[in-house]
Each structure stands twice: as C-alpha cells, then as structure tokens.
Amino acid sequence: MTESSEKVGFISLGCPKALVDSERILTQLRADGYDITPSYEDAAVVVVNTCGFIDSAKAESLEAIGEAMQENGRVLVTGCMGKGDDAKRIQALHPNILGISGPAAYEEVVGAVHEAIPISRRPDPLIDLVPEQGIKLTPRHYAYLKISEGCNHRCRFCIIPNMRGDLVSRPIGDIMREAEALVKAGVRELLVISQDTSAYGVDLKYRTDFWEGRPLKSNLLTLAETLAEFGIWVRLHYVYPYPHVDDLIPLMAEGKLLPYLDVPLQHGSPSVLQRMKRPAAAEKTLERIKKWRTLCPDLTLRSTFIVGFPGETEDEFRELLDFIDEAQLDRVGCFQYSPVEGAAANALPDPVPEALKQERWNTFMAKQQVISSDKLQKKVGTRLQVLIDEVDGDTAIGRSVADAPEIDGVVHLSDVAGLRPGDWVEGQVSAADDYDLWMS
C-alpha cells in the first residue's frame, strides 16, 4: 500500500483548459505510484494549479497558495501565475515554496513532486490502477477534450500568449485516441476546448495523421466529423467566427454535433473591437450568425462580452446594446474590464470610471436577461432531450443540448425515479425563468 508520506494534495483553479492540465498531472502522478488526497493533513506536498487571467482570479490563487502554506507548508505552484512577475510575487510572499512552474508544465511539476517526496517503491499495476482515460476531475459522464495549447492572436486585453505561448495543436490521432478512451469509460458528452478552437491545425499545416489506420487531416471539420461518429454529445467551445466554421453548421443541423457554439465575441462596436485587436468584425459576425441560424434554426449561441474597455464611449456602448439586440444570443456572460498586469490595453488612454463600468454592466445584463427569458419561455411546451447531472431522491438536475456544464442554465426534473447521472431522458418543458427550465 502507498505510504502516507507519498500522498499528494492538489488544488485546481481556473478555466476548463487548466482543469485538463490538472488531470494530466494527476494521471502521471498516479501512474508513478503516488496517492492523491483531499486533505492537507495527509499530504506530503500540495500542488496548487493557479489561474492568472484577471485580477480576481489571481487573488483567488494567492489565497489558495497562502492557505496551503499555512495548513501544510510544503507547496508547489504551477499554472498561469507561475511565470514572470506573478511568479516573483509568489516567491516574495512565500519564500519557502518548494517550486514554481508555468502552465502546462506537466513534466516539471511531476519532477518537482518526485524531488520533494521520492517514491519508495516501484508502482504496482495491481494496486496503482490508472484508468485508460486517465484521472478525471469532472463527473464520469462528461469530459473536457483539449485539442490545442496557446494562441496566435494578440488581443490587447489578454495575456494568454504570454503565459501559454503561440498555438500548438495536438495531432488528430492523439486527440481521437483520448476521445475513444473517454467514450469507452462511459463519457456521454465531450466538451472540445482550446484557446482558439477555430484555429486548430493551422500550425500543423493540417497535416495528415492516423487513427485506427485511417488517414485524417488535422483540421476542425475532420475532427468534428470523426468525433461525431461516437454517437455522443460533442460540444464546441471558444470558436472564433471564421468563414470555415460555416462548414460545421450542417453537421449540427443533421444531429451529428450538438447545435451549440461558444463564440467569444467580446464587443459589438467595430471601433472597440479594433482597439482590442480582435480578429473578427461585428458586421460580418451578425451576417454569419444569420446564415448559421438559416442552416440550423435550433442553434444555441453563447458568448462573452467586456464593458468599460479603455476609451469606450457612450455611442460605442450603445452599439454593443444594438448588437446584442440584433444577435439575440441565447447564453451571454459579461465582464467589466479590469487591467491585467502585462496586458497591452493598460497603456490605452481614456480609462472608463469604475462607477460607469458598473452602470453599463447593469444595463447590459438587464437587456440580455430579457432576451434570455423570452427565448426560454418559447421552449415551454416543447420536448427536449436532457443529460442528467445530479439526482437527489425523486428530483434531478440535468442539461439540454443548449446548456454547457457550470456556465449555462439547467433543467429541473421532479417526480422521477431510477435516474442516474449520465442518463439521457426526454420530457416536456413545463416552466421557465430567466435562465433555467423545468420539465415534467
């Protein structure tokens, strides 16, 4: 049996992409013979995978590091705060930290764990069982599938390329082998993620790779078509509205892919998008959305926006409101711009006052709430397929094809019996509020 001195505590913060990093590190540690513990007391070392995208995320990461140092004292830090000035800040706050590494530094983290607590025995495959699909931090019935790392864009508000580098796509054969293992393990929904899903394969020049002896081009359409063959839900996130994304919509209309796109639009004013150095124009995006909905009327569109970007005028904010009026997006998140250390936007003139940011955020969210509520009310009386996430007695919570886990709404079910997480059920929508549905 594994000794208590060979137990690793693990704290994973941030986005789904960071979650996948954590899963890979944990999988390797388990394969090397380490045990994973949720307790500070049992852990011989604690790994904190940090998020450094915005200031509130950095504050949460620093709090987690401080708690781990206080409760345990033997801490390794990795992730997006593990590079540059953030790493120096962590080192200054906690000079006794055992080690700091950047994002996706799998081998470095595992090596640091080995150095901190050398394994006293060779892993026993009969004891140290690692599932073929690896260690997962999501429920058994869904999983994130990361298809690339990094990003080639240089948006002024974003520091991801500084932290994670330029685009590095995984060969399509590797992705398909991972997806196949997940499906065999019972996963019923694959959530495809990256920093820029639409750019998948650009850096590989779309070269051919192999899966089960089949030649496959490393491009998004081929990947989507091949993943669709598993017959499970395949949901696409972080899809920039480039022209070639149009080719995916017929697959959604035919029921092969979930009719859902997570498109990070960020604003609706052309001049603000230009200052942001975003790669797509608002007018073309509206045209593309209309085309998509013509091809697939059931398409659900999710996006995120920023209000209060430096220099945002009242007219530009009104352009944003007009944009969401016309786009009629189904699921929307909105952030107030906040300076991030290292972001080029910090040098832009005319910062928007905090009170005005809050006022614009309130206005934006009130308008989008009406749009969301109207769209959900139209679903009352229709029949939907739902994937069950939680069961509590004779009630359950699930998600429709329009709902990604943790960021979208849910479907509430009552008077149900015998359901388990991962089950698919169909039923009629009986009620709706601003964000959720109820099913009978």
Protein backbone atom coordinates (compact mmCIF):
# COMPACT_ATOMS: atom_id res chain seq x y z
CA MET A 1 0.00 0.00 0.00
CA THR A 2 1.06 3.58 -0.57
CA GLU A 3 2.66 5.19 2.44
CA SER A 4 1.09 8.37 3.83
CA SER A 5 4.40 10.09 3.08
CA GLU A 6 3.67 9.57 -0.64
CA LYS A 7 0.33 11.35 -0.78
CA VAL A 8 -0.12 14.48 -2.88
CA GLY A 9 -2.73 17.16 -2.26
CA PHE A 10 -3.99 19.02 -5.32
CA ILE A 11 -5.87 22.32 -5.79
CA SER A 12 -7.04 23.14 -9.32
CA LEU A 13 -8.22 26.67 -10.14
CA GLY A 14 -9.29 28.46 -13.31
CA CYS A 15 -10.82 27.53 -16.64
CA PRO A 16 -11.51 24.10 -18.20
CA LYS A 17 -8.16 24.29 -20.02
CA ALA A 18 -6.39 24.49 -16.66
CA LEU A 19 -8.57 21.65 -15.40
CA VAL A 20 -7.27 19.45 -18.21
CA ASP A 21 -3.71 20.37 -17.22
CA SER A 22 -4.50 19.24 -13.67
CA GLU A 23 -5.96 15.97 -14.94
CA ARG A 24 -2.80 15.21 -16.90
CA ILE A 25 -0.55 15.93 -13.93
CA LEU A 26 -2.69 13.80 -11.61
CA THR A 27 -2.76 10.95 -14.13
CA GLN A 28 1.04 10.87 -14.30
CA LEU A 29 1.43 11.11 -10.53
CA ARG A 30 -0.99 8.21 -10.05
CA ALA A 31 0.87 6.16 -12.67
CA ASP A 32 4.11 6.87 -10.80
CA GLY A 33 2.64 5.38 -7.63
CA TYR A 34 1.56 8.48 -5.71
CA ASP A 35 -1.76 8.62 -3.91
CA ILE A 36 -3.94 11.73 -4.21
CA THR A 37 -5.54 13.09 -1.06
CA PRO A 38 -8.12 15.87 -0.49
CA SER A 39 -6.69 16.58 2.97
CA TYR A 40 -3.91 19.00 3.89
CA GLU A 41 -3.07 16.84 6.91
CA ASP A 42 -2.41 13.69 4.86
CA ALA A 43 -0.46 15.37 2.07
CA ALA A 44 3.33 15.25 1.99
CA VAL A 45 3.19 18.01 -0.61
CA VAL A 46 0.39 20.19 -2.04
CA VAL A 47 0.27 21.27 -5.70
CA VAL A 48 -1.68 24.47 -6.49
CA ASN A 49 -2.57 24.95 -10.18
CA THR A 50 -3.17 28.70 -10.41
CA CYS A 51 -5.20 30.99 -12.68
CA GLY A 52 -3.81 34.39 -13.66
CA PHE A 53 -6.24 35.60 -16.33
CA ILE A 54 -7.79 38.51 -14.39
CA ASP A 55 -7.06 40.17 -11.05
CA SER A 56 -9.88 38.40 -9.16
CA ALA A 57 -8.54 35.04 -10.36
CA LYS A 58 -5.04 36.00 -9.22
CA ALA A 59 -6.42 36.97 -5.81
CA GLU A 60 -8.14 33.58 -5.51
CA SER A 61 -4.92 31.81 -6.49
CA LEU A 62 -2.85 33.76 -3.97
CA GLU A 63 -5.41 32.97 -1.27
CA ALA A 64 -5.25 29.26 -2.12
CA ILE A 65 -1.44 29.30 -2.02
CA GLY A 66 -1.48 31.10 1.34
CA GLU A 67 -3.94 28.62 2.81
CA ALA A 68 -1.89 25.66 1.55
CA MET A 69 1.27 27.15 3.05
CA GLN A 70 -0.46 27.74 6.36
CA GLU A 71 -2.18 24.36 6.57
CA ASN A 72 0.60 22.23 5.10
CA GLY A 73 3.75 24.25 4.40
CA ARG A 74 5.12 22.08 1.58
CA VAL A 75 3.71 23.63 -1.58
CA LEU A 76 4.44 23.50 -5.31
CA VAL A 77 2.87 26.18 -7.52
CA THR A 78 2.11 25.73 -11.22
CA GLY A 79 -0.19 27.24 -13.84
CA CYS A 80 -0.75 30.70 -15.24
CA MET A 81 0.72 32.57 -12.25
CA GLY A 82 3.87 30.50 -12.41
CA LYS A 83 5.67 32.78 -14.88
CA GLY A 84 7.15 36.27 -14.93
CA ASP A 85 6.24 38.90 -12.37
CA ASP A 86 3.48 36.77 -10.85
CA ALA A 87 5.99 34.04 -10.04
CA LYS A 88 8.32 36.62 -8.46
CA ARG A 89 5.40 37.94 -6.41
CA ILE A 90 4.54 34.46 -5.14
CA GLN A 91 8.18 33.78 -4.30
CA ALA A 92 8.39 37.07 -2.37
CA LEU A 93 5.21 36.33 -0.42
CA HIS A 94 6.20 32.72 0.28
CA PRO A 95 9.99 32.31 0.10
CA ASN A 96 9.75 28.73 1.42
CA ILE A 97 7.71 27.48 -1.51
CA LEU A 98 9.24 24.28 -2.91
CA GLY A 99 8.93 25.21 -6.57
CA ILE A 100 7.11 27.31 -9.18
CA SER A 101 6.36 26.38 -12.80
CA GLY A 102 4.23 27.82 -15.59
CA PRO A 103 1.12 26.49 -17.35
CA ALA A 104 1.08 23.05 -18.97
CA ALA A 105 4.44 22.23 -17.37
CA TYR A 106 3.48 18.62 -16.78
CA GLU A 107 6.94 17.06 -16.62
CA GLU A 108 8.31 19.88 -14.49
CA VAL A 109 5.53 19.51 -11.90
CA VAL A 110 5.82 15.74 -11.76
CA GLY A 111 9.61 16.02 -11.46
CA ALA A 112 9.25 18.52 -8.61
CA VAL A 113 6.91 16.12 -6.76
CA HIS A 114 9.44 13.31 -7.18
CA GLU A 115 12.15 15.58 -5.79
CA ALA A 116 10.00 16.71 -2.86
CA ILE A 117 8.78 13.23 -1.92
CA PRO A 118 10.77 10.48 -3.64
CA ILE A 119 8.67 7.39 -4.27
CA SER A 120 9.88 4.50 -2.13
CA ARG A 121 8.70 1.69 -4.37
CA ARG A 122 8.01 0.82 -7.97
CA PRO A 123 4.36 1.29 -8.98
CA ASP A 124 2.34 -1.92 -8.76
CA PRO A 125 -0.15 -2.16 -11.66
CA LEU A 126 -2.44 -4.27 -9.45
CA ILE A 127 -2.61 -1.51 -6.82
CA ASP A 128 -1.85 1.74 -8.62
CA LEU A 129 -4.67 1.38 -11.11
CA VAL A 130 -4.87 4.24 -13.61
CA PRO A 131 -7.87 4.13 -15.94
CA GLU A 132 -7.11 4.17 -19.66
CA GLN A 133 -8.80 7.57 -19.98
CA GLY A 134 -6.63 8.99 -17.15
CA ILE A 135 -7.67 10.70 -13.93
CA LYS A 136 -10.67 12.99 -14.49
CA LEU A 137 -11.88 15.85 -12.28
CA THR A 138 -15.26 16.05 -13.99
CA PRO A 139 -18.20 13.68 -13.38
CA ARG A 140 -17.94 10.33 -15.12
CA HIS A 141 -20.43 11.21 -17.88
CA TYR A 142 -18.72 14.28 -19.36
CA ALA A 143 -15.14 15.36 -20.01
CA TYR A 144 -13.16 18.21 -21.49
CA LEU A 145 -11.10 17.40 -24.58
CA LYS A 146 -8.30 19.92 -25.12
CA ILE A 147 -7.22 20.00 -28.77
CA SER A 148 -4.52 22.67 -28.69
CA GLU A 149 -2.49 24.93 -26.44
CA GLY A 150 -1.69 28.63 -26.76
CA CYS A 151 -2.95 31.27 -29.19
CA ASN A 152 -1.67 33.25 -32.18
CA HIS A 153 -3.84 36.32 -31.54
CA ARG A 154 -2.56 39.36 -29.66
CA CYS A 155 -5.75 40.81 -28.21
CA ARG A 156 -4.82 43.83 -26.10
CA PHE A 157 -6.76 42.76 -23.00
CA CYS A 158 -5.35 39.22 -22.93
CA ILE A 159 -2.06 37.82 -21.65
CA ILE A 160 -2.68 34.17 -22.60
CA PRO A 161 0.02 34.14 -25.33
CA ASN A 162 2.49 35.48 -22.76
CA MET A 163 1.61 32.65 -20.39
CA ARG A 164 0.90 29.76 -22.75
CA GLY A 165 2.70 30.74 -25.95
CA ASP A 166 1.60 30.52 -29.57
CA LEU A 167 -0.80 27.94 -30.95
CA VAL A 168 0.35 24.32 -30.64
CA SER A 169 -2.23 21.86 -31.99
CA ARG A 170 -2.30 18.22 -30.98
CA PRO A 171 -2.11 15.66 -33.80
CA ILE A 172 -5.63 14.48 -34.59
CA GLY A 173 -4.69 10.85 -33.94
CA ASP A 174 -3.73 11.67 -30.34
CA ILE A 175 -7.00 13.53 -29.81
CA MET A 176 -9.07 10.67 -31.22
CA ARG A 177 -7.32 8.07 -29.08
CA GLU A 178 -8.04 10.13 -25.97
CA ALA A 179 -11.66 10.65 -27.03
CA GLU A 180 -12.10 6.92 -27.71
CA ALA A 181 -10.78 6.03 -24.24
CA LEU A 182 -13.16 8.54 -22.66
CA VAL A 183 -16.16 7.17 -24.53
CA LYS A 184 -15.26 3.60 -23.60
CA ALA A 185 -15.11 4.74 -19.95
CA GLY A 186 -18.69 5.98 -20.07
CA VAL A 187 -18.36 9.63 -21.13
CA ARG A 188 -21.52 10.78 -22.88
CA GLU A 189 -20.53 14.36 -23.60
CA LEU A 190 -17.21 15.65 -24.93
CA LEU A 191 -16.57 19.36 -24.48
CA VAL A 192 -13.98 20.41 -27.06
CA ILE A 193 -11.81 23.23 -25.70
CA SER A 194 -8.70 25.24 -26.58
CA GLN A 195 -7.79 28.91 -26.63
CA ASP A 196 -8.91 29.21 -30.27
CA THR A 197 -10.75 26.11 -31.45
CA SER A 198 -11.30 27.54 -34.95
CA ALA A 199 -7.54 27.73 -35.50
CA TYR A 200 -6.99 24.03 -34.80
CA GLY A 201 -4.37 22.57 -37.13
CA VAL A 202 -3.07 25.86 -38.60
CA ASP A 203 0.35 25.34 -37.06
CA LEU A 204 0.43 21.74 -38.29
CA LYS A 205 -0.43 22.89 -41.81
CA TYR A 206 -3.38 20.50 -41.46
CA ARG A 207 -1.10 17.54 -42.00
CA THR A 208 -2.46 14.00 -42.13
CA ASP A 209 -2.30 11.80 -39.06
CA PHE A 210 -3.70 8.33 -38.35
CA TRP A 211 -6.30 6.83 -36.01
CA GLU A 212 -7.15 3.14 -36.20
CA GLY A 213 -5.34 3.02 -39.53
CA ARG A 214 -7.48 5.81 -41.01
CA PRO A 215 -5.79 8.86 -42.51
CA LEU A 216 -7.28 12.05 -41.02
CA LYS A 217 -6.47 15.66 -41.79
CA SER A 218 -5.65 17.72 -38.68
CA ASN A 219 -8.37 20.33 -39.20
CA LEU A 220 -11.51 21.28 -37.29
CA LEU A 221 -14.05 19.92 -39.75
CA THR A 222 -12.39 16.48 -39.94
CA LEU A 223 -12.03 16.39 -36.16
CA ALA A 224 -15.70 17.30 -35.66
CA GLU A 225 -16.90 14.76 -38.22
CA THR A 226 -14.81 11.99 -36.66
CA LEU A 227 -15.81 12.78 -33.07
CA ALA A 228 -19.44 12.74 -34.21
CA GLU A 229 -19.06 9.06 -35.15
CA PHE A 230 -19.09 8.12 -31.45
CA GLY A 231 -22.79 8.96 -31.27
CA ILE A 232 -22.49 11.04 -28.09
CA TRP A 233 -22.86 14.75 -27.40
CA VAL A 234 -19.98 16.79 -28.84
CA ARG A 235 -19.99 20.44 -27.75
CA LEU A 236 -17.64 23.08 -29.21
CA HIS A 237 -16.21 25.91 -27.11
CA TYR A 238 -14.10 29.01 -27.91
CA VAL A 239 -14.98 29.01 -31.61
CA TYR A 240 -13.99 32.22 -33.40
CA PRO A 241 -16.47 33.09 -36.19
CA TYR A 242 -14.16 32.44 -39.14
CA PRO A 243 -15.64 31.52 -42.54
CA HIS A 244 -14.67 27.84 -42.31
CA VAL A 245 -16.83 27.46 -39.18
CA ASP A 246 -19.79 27.62 -41.59
CA ASP A 247 -18.90 24.05 -42.62
CA LEU A 248 -19.73 22.79 -39.11
CA ILE A 249 -23.32 24.02 -39.12
CA PRO A 250 -24.73 21.31 -41.45
CA LEU A 251 -23.33 18.69 -39.04
CA MET A 252 -25.36 20.35 -36.28
CA ALA A 253 -28.48 20.53 -38.45
CA GLU A 254 -28.11 16.79 -39.13
CA GLY A 255 -27.82 15.98 -35.41
CA LYS A 256 -24.20 14.83 -35.60
CA LEU A 257 -22.83 17.65 -33.45
CA LEU A 258 -24.69 19.48 -30.69
CA PRO A 259 -26.27 22.63 -32.21
CA TYR A 260 -24.23 24.80 -29.86
CA LEU A 261 -21.36 27.21 -30.40
CA ASP A 262 -19.45 29.13 -27.76
CA VAL A 263 -18.19 32.17 -29.68
CA PRO A 264 -16.03 34.73 -27.76
CA LEU A 265 -17.22 37.99 -29.36
CA GLN A 266 -16.17 40.48 -26.62
CA HIS A 267 -17.92 43.55 -28.11
CA GLY A 268 -20.31 44.78 -30.79
CA SER A 269 -18.69 48.09 -31.72
CA PRO A 270 -16.24 47.92 -34.67
CA SER A 271 -14.08 50.68 -33.20
CA VAL A 272 -13.82 48.96 -29.81
CA LEU A 273 -13.01 45.63 -31.47
CA GLN A 274 -10.28 47.41 -33.45
CA ARG A 275 -8.77 48.85 -30.25
CA MET A 276 -8.99 45.39 -28.69
CA LYS A 277 -7.19 43.94 -31.76
CA ARG A 278 -9.88 41.30 -32.09
CA PRO A 279 -9.66 39.07 -35.19
CA ALA A 280 -13.32 39.45 -36.35
CA ALA A 281 -15.59 42.36 -37.29
CA ALA A 282 -19.03 42.83 -35.71
CA GLU A 283 -20.87 43.39 -39.00
CA LYS A 284 -19.55 40.17 -40.55
CA THR A 285 -20.35 38.31 -37.34
CA LEU A 286 -24.02 39.33 -37.49
CA GLU A 287 -24.18 38.19 -41.12
CA ARG A 288 -22.58 34.89 -40.18
CA ILE A 289 -24.98 34.35 -37.26
CA LYS A 290 -27.98 34.89 -39.59
CA LYS A 291 -26.52 32.38 -42.04
CA TRP A 292 -25.91 29.82 -39.29
CA ARG A 293 -29.48 30.11 -38.00
CA THR A 294 -30.87 29.73 -41.50
CA LEU A 295 -28.97 26.45 -41.83
CA CYS A 296 -29.70 25.30 -38.25
CA PRO A 297 -32.68 27.06 -36.63
CA ASP A 298 -32.13 25.23 -33.32
CA LEU A 299 -28.58 26.55 -32.94
CA THR A 300 -27.71 27.82 -29.44
CA LEU A 301 -25.11 30.60 -29.33
CA ARG A 302 -23.16 31.52 -26.21
CA SER A 303 -20.71 34.39 -25.92
CA THR A 304 -18.89 36.70 -23.52
CA PHE A 305 -18.50 40.47 -23.67
CA ILE A 306 -16.45 43.18 -21.99
CA VAL A 307 -17.88 46.55 -20.99
CA GLY A 308 -15.76 49.52 -19.96
CA PHE A 309 -12.79 48.78 -22.22
CA PRO A 310 -10.45 51.84 -22.29
CA GLY A 311 -11.91 54.61 -24.42
CA GLU A 312 -15.37 53.03 -24.67
CA THR A 313 -17.73 55.92 -25.42
CA GLU A 314 -21.46 56.13 -24.82
CA ASP A 315 -22.05 55.69 -28.56
CA GLU A 316 -19.83 52.59 -28.64
CA PHE A 317 -21.67 51.12 -25.68
CA ARG A 318 -24.97 51.76 -27.49
CA GLU A 319 -23.52 49.90 -30.49
CA LEU A 320 -22.91 46.95 -28.18
CA LEU A 321 -26.52 47.05 -26.95
CA ASP A 322 -27.77 47.25 -30.54
CA PHE A 323 -25.53 44.30 -31.41
CA ILE A 324 -26.98 42.01 -28.75
CA ASP A 325 -30.49 43.16 -29.70
CA GLU A 326 -29.87 42.03 -33.26
CA ALA A 327 -27.79 38.94 -32.49
CA GLN A 328 -30.32 37.58 -29.95
CA LEU A 329 -27.72 35.31 -28.38
CA ASP A 330 -29.02 32.53 -26.16
CA ARG A 331 -26.38 32.50 -23.42
CA VAL A 332 -24.27 35.52 -22.55
CA GLY A 333 -21.68 36.42 -19.94
CA CYS A 334 -20.35 39.92 -19.38
CA PHE A 335 -17.28 41.23 -17.57
CA GLN A 336 -16.28 44.71 -16.53
CA TYR A 337 -12.86 45.48 -17.96
CA SER A 338 -10.11 45.36 -15.40
CA PRO A 339 -6.40 45.96 -16.08
CA VAL A 340 -4.33 42.78 -16.11
CA GLU A 341 -0.63 43.05 -15.45
CA GLY A 342 1.24 42.69 -18.72
CA ALA A 343 -1.74 43.43 -20.99
CA ALA A 344 -1.20 45.95 -23.80
CA ALA A 345 -4.59 47.53 -23.05
CA ASN A 346 -3.15 49.04 -19.88
CA ALA A 347 -1.37 51.67 -21.99
CA LEU A 348 -4.55 52.82 -23.80
CA PRO A 349 -5.86 56.30 -22.96
CA ASP A 350 -9.25 57.29 -21.50
CA PRO A 351 -9.96 54.60 -18.90
CA VAL A 352 -13.65 54.23 -18.09
CA PRO A 353 -14.54 55.18 -14.48
CA GLU A 354 -15.45 52.23 -12.24
CA ALA A 355 -18.94 53.57 -11.49
CA LEU A 356 -19.67 53.90 -15.20
CA LYS A 357 -18.41 50.35 -15.85
CA GLN A 358 -20.85 49.09 -13.22
CA GLU A 359 -23.71 51.11 -14.68
CA ARG A 360 -23.03 49.78 -18.18
CA TRP A 361 -22.73 46.23 -16.88
CA ASN A 362 -26.11 46.56 -15.15
CA THR A 363 -27.70 47.92 -18.33
CA PHE A 364 -26.17 45.20 -20.49
CA MET A 365 -27.21 42.36 -18.18
CA ALA A 366 -30.77 43.69 -17.82
CA LYS A 367 -31.18 43.75 -21.61
CA GLN A 368 -29.70 40.27 -22.05
CA GLN A 369 -31.85 38.90 -19.24
CA VAL A 370 -34.96 39.87 -21.17
CA ILE A 371 -33.60 38.17 -24.30
CA SER A 372 -32.72 35.01 -22.37
CA SER A 373 -36.08 34.90 -20.59
CA ASP A 374 -38.03 35.34 -23.84
CA LYS A 375 -36.07 32.55 -25.53
CA LEU A 376 -36.63 30.15 -22.64
CA GLN A 377 -40.35 30.93 -22.40
CA LYS A 378 -40.67 29.85 -26.03
CA LYS A 379 -39.41 26.40 -25.01
CA VAL A 380 -42.34 25.82 -22.64
CA GLY A 381 -44.47 23.04 -24.11
CA THR A 382 -41.70 21.64 -26.29
CA ARG A 383 -39.94 18.31 -25.78
CA LEU A 384 -36.23 18.18 -25.00
CA GLN A 385 -33.52 15.59 -24.51
CA VAL A 386 -31.74 16.08 -21.19
CA LEU A 387 -28.48 14.68 -19.83
CA ILE A 388 -28.76 14.07 -16.08
CA ASP A 389 -26.02 15.60 -13.90
CA GLU A 390 -27.37 15.19 -10.34
CA VAL A 391 -30.01 13.04 -8.67
CA ASP A 392 -31.47 13.68 -5.21
CA GLY A 393 -34.29 11.31 -4.28
CA ASP A 394 -37.14 11.84 -6.71
CA THR A 395 -35.70 15.08 -8.13
CA ALA A 396 -32.88 15.58 -10.61
CA ILE A 397 -30.94 18.31 -12.38
CA GLY A 398 -29.86 17.95 -15.97
CA ARG A 399 -28.88 19.91 -19.03
CA SER A 400 -30.34 20.22 -22.51
CA VAL A 401 -28.25 20.48 -25.67
CA ALA A 402 -28.35 24.26 -25.10
CA ASP A 403 -26.58 24.06 -21.73
CA ALA A 404 -22.86 23.59 -21.14
CA PRO A 405 -21.92 22.50 -17.60
CA GLU A 406 -21.29 25.18 -14.96
CA ILE A 407 -21.69 28.18 -17.29
CA ASP A 408 -25.22 27.84 -18.69
CA GLY A 409 -28.63 27.08 -17.23
CA VAL A 410 -30.02 23.75 -16.06
CA VAL A 411 -33.20 21.71 -16.37
CA HIS A 412 -35.02 20.78 -13.15
CA LEU A 413 -36.90 17.48 -13.07
CA SER A 414 -39.29 16.30 -10.36
CA ASP A 415 -41.19 13.09 -9.58
CA VAL A 416 -38.52 10.99 -11.25
CA ALA A 417 -37.31 7.59 -10.13
CA GLY A 418 -34.43 5.35 -11.09
CA LEU A 419 -32.37 8.02 -12.83
CA ARG A 420 -28.61 8.19 -12.51
CA PRO A 421 -26.07 10.83 -13.54
CA GLY A 422 -25.22 10.25 -17.19
CA ASP A 423 -28.70 9.09 -18.18
CA TRP A 424 -30.42 10.70 -21.14
CA VAL A 425 -34.14 11.38 -20.73
CA GLU A 426 -36.79 13.13 -22.77
CA GLY A 427 -39.66 15.19 -21.46
CA GLN A 428 -41.85 18.22 -21.93
CA VAL A 429 -40.84 21.65 -20.65
CA SER A 430 -43.45 22.82 -18.15
CA ALA A 431 -41.96 26.15 -16.96
CA ALA A 432 -39.06 28.56 -17.40
CA ASP A 433 -37.45 31.50 -15.64
CA ASP A 434 -34.70 33.84 -16.83
CA TYR A 435 -32.04 31.11 -17.06
CA ASP A 436 -33.43 27.63 -16.20
CA LEU A 437 -36.14 25.23 -17.34
CA TRP A 438 -38.47 22.83 -15.50
CA MET A 439 -39.55 19.55 -17.03
CA SER A 440 -42.42 17.20 -16.28
